[in-house]
Structures are given as C-alpha cells and as structure tokens.
Protein backbone atom coordinates (compact mmCIF):
# COMPACT_ATOMS: atom_id res chain seq x y z
CA MET A 1 38.73 -0.25 -33.49
CA ILE A 2 35.26 -1.37 -32.94
CA ILE A 3 32.68 -1.65 -35.77
CA LYS A 4 29.56 -3.38 -35.38
CA ASP A 5 27.40 -4.48 -38.41
CA LEU A 6 23.62 -4.15 -37.26
CA ASP A 7 22.84 -7.32 -39.59
CA GLU A 8 25.32 -9.50 -37.70
CA CYS A 9 23.65 -8.50 -34.35
CA GLU A 10 21.19 -10.98 -32.66
CA SER A 11 17.49 -10.09 -33.03
CA VAL A 12 15.62 -10.87 -29.81
CA ILE A 13 12.00 -9.72 -28.67
CA ALA A 14 12.51 -7.36 -25.73
CA GLY A 15 10.21 -7.31 -22.70
CA ASP A 16 8.35 -4.47 -24.11
CA GLY A 17 7.68 -6.55 -27.27
CA SER A 18 9.67 -4.78 -29.63
CA GLN A 19 12.48 -6.46 -31.73
CA LEU A 20 15.72 -5.36 -30.46
CA ARG A 21 19.16 -5.76 -32.08
CA GLU A 22 21.69 -4.54 -29.55
CA LEU A 23 24.86 -2.91 -30.78
CA LEU A 24 26.60 -1.45 -27.97
CA ASN A 25 26.66 -2.74 -24.30
CA PRO A 26 29.79 -1.96 -22.05
CA LEU A 27 28.29 -4.44 -19.82
CA LYS A 28 28.89 -7.13 -22.45
CA GLU A 29 32.13 -6.12 -23.97
CA ASN A 30 35.03 -3.97 -23.29
CA LEU A 31 34.00 -0.55 -24.24
CA ALA A 32 34.68 2.91 -22.56
CA VAL A 33 31.39 4.24 -22.49
CA ARG A 34 28.52 4.36 -20.09
CA TYR A 35 25.45 3.95 -22.54
CA SER A 36 24.09 1.10 -24.58
CA LEU A 37 23.06 1.41 -28.05
CA ALA A 38 20.18 -0.82 -29.74
CA GLU A 39 18.15 -0.59 -32.83
CA ALA A 40 14.27 -1.45 -32.26
CA ARG A 41 11.65 -2.35 -34.45
CA VAL A 42 7.75 -2.02 -34.13
CA GLY A 43 5.36 -3.24 -36.71
CA PRO A 44 2.56 -1.44 -38.37
CA GLY A 45 -0.27 -1.07 -36.07
CA GLU A 46 1.70 -2.43 -32.87
CA ALA A 47 2.67 -0.76 -29.92
CA THR A 48 5.20 -1.52 -26.87
CA ALA A 49 4.33 -2.49 -23.61
CA ALA A 50 4.20 0.16 -21.02
CA HIS A 51 7.44 -0.19 -19.41
CA ARG A 52 9.94 2.18 -17.18
CA LEU A 53 13.51 1.94 -16.91
CA ARG A 54 15.70 3.16 -13.93
CA ASN A 55 18.11 5.04 -16.50
CA ALA A 56 17.46 8.08 -19.03
CA GLU A 57 16.70 7.03 -22.48
CA VAL A 58 16.66 8.75 -25.81
CA TYR A 59 14.79 7.23 -28.72
CA TYR A 60 16.09 8.68 -32.44
CA ILE A 61 13.65 7.72 -34.89
CA ILE A 62 15.10 6.59 -38.11
CA ALA A 63 12.15 5.27 -39.99
CA GLY A 64 8.34 5.40 -39.91
CA ALA A 65 6.01 7.38 -37.77
CA GLY A 66 4.23 6.84 -34.28
CA GLU A 67 2.83 8.25 -31.34
CA MET A 68 5.24 8.19 -28.07
CA ARG A 69 3.65 8.12 -24.86
CA ILE A 70 5.53 9.34 -21.82
CA GLU A 71 3.63 9.41 -18.21
CA ASP A 72 0.43 11.10 -19.30
CA GLU A 73 1.98 13.07 -22.37
CA THR A 74 1.42 11.87 -25.98
CA ALA A 75 3.19 13.18 -29.00
CA ALA A 76 3.28 12.13 -32.76
CA VAL A 77 7.02 11.09 -33.69
CA ARG A 78 8.58 10.69 -36.97
CA SER A 79 11.75 10.01 -38.83
CA GLY A 80 14.57 12.29 -37.92
CA GLN A 81 13.50 13.35 -34.14
CA ALA A 82 14.75 12.41 -30.99
CA VAL A 83 12.62 11.83 -27.82
CA TYR A 84 14.20 12.15 -24.26
CA ILE A 85 12.68 9.87 -21.76
CA PRO A 86 13.60 10.74 -18.15
CA PRO A 87 14.74 7.85 -15.55
CA GLY A 88 11.78 6.15 -14.06
CA ALA A 89 9.08 7.55 -16.56
CA VAL A 90 6.49 5.22 -17.75
CA GLN A 91 6.80 4.89 -21.77
CA SER A 92 5.47 3.21 -24.63
CA ILE A 93 5.60 3.79 -28.30
CA HIS A 94 2.80 2.79 -31.05
CA ASN A 95 3.49 2.60 -34.63
CA THR A 96 0.81 4.72 -36.49
CA GLY A 97 2.16 4.05 -40.15
CA ALA A 98 2.05 1.45 -42.65
CA GLU A 99 5.66 0.58 -42.58
CA ASP A 100 7.84 -0.66 -39.49
CA LEU A 101 8.90 2.12 -37.06
CA VAL A 102 12.61 1.92 -36.33
CA PHE A 103 14.46 3.74 -33.90
CA LEU A 104 17.62 3.81 -31.94
CA CYS A 105 17.73 3.29 -28.09
CA LEU A 106 20.29 5.07 -26.03
CA VAL A 107 20.32 3.92 -22.54
CA ASP A 108 22.50 6.04 -20.22
CA PRO A 109 23.76 4.33 -18.00
CA ALA A 110 23.83 0.95 -20.01
CA TRP A 111 20.61 -1.26 -20.18
CA ARG A 112 20.38 -4.26 -17.91
CA PRO A 113 17.11 -6.54 -17.32
CA GLU A 114 17.03 -5.57 -14.00
CA ASP A 115 16.91 -1.70 -14.72
CA GLU A 116 13.40 -2.53 -16.39
CA THR A 117 10.16 -3.03 -15.58
CA VAL A 118 7.42 -3.95 -18.10
CA LEU A 119 4.06 -2.79 -16.64
CA GLU A 120 1.36 -4.61 -19.14
C-alpha cells in the first residue's frame, strides 16, 4: 500500500510559477499508473505563466476562485469544478479571489520537464 501525505511532499515553484507539491509520479517511484498527480497553489491576484504540455491535463479546483484560459477561451472556475486541458493547448490560470487558489493537477501520461514549454 502506498499512502502519500501532502504535508510531507516537497514544495517547489513550478516552471509556470505555481507552488507545486507532487504526490504521485510513476517516473519517480514504482507505481502501476500512467498519470502523475500534484497539488498546485496560486496566490491571490497571481497567475501562472502561459504554458503548454505535450500531454492531457485535468485541474480539479479544491479551494478558491479563478479564471482559466485555454487557447483563446476564458472561463471563471471555482471550488468543486474540473477543467480538461487538451494536449498541446496553451493554458494559464489566474487567481481572482482573496485566498489561495488550490487545485489538483492530473497529467496523463505522467508529467516530465521535457514535455512542458513555458511561453512567458
């Protein structure tokens, strides 16, 4: 059995500027899954840099509110919503609230640095 405690995961600043804690990645440990799972945080008034991943991604918003941009579409997002981001799509998220915008990032296949391009 593998159980990960978020509080024990290393916090890093991702290439897009979000604060990231990776929970699961089969490229880093022996897991029989294709995807990676991480928690991301964006502070009030902040936004991630425009970026694209070679792979599909899903954001699940845990707390806060923001504005999601995928290619030329923009939509308000809030806690309890999931956002699908197609492979190769230019994306960013802006925290429009007064608290941290917190979301899970599910990347399939698993996230690798060479699969991400930061555009800003």
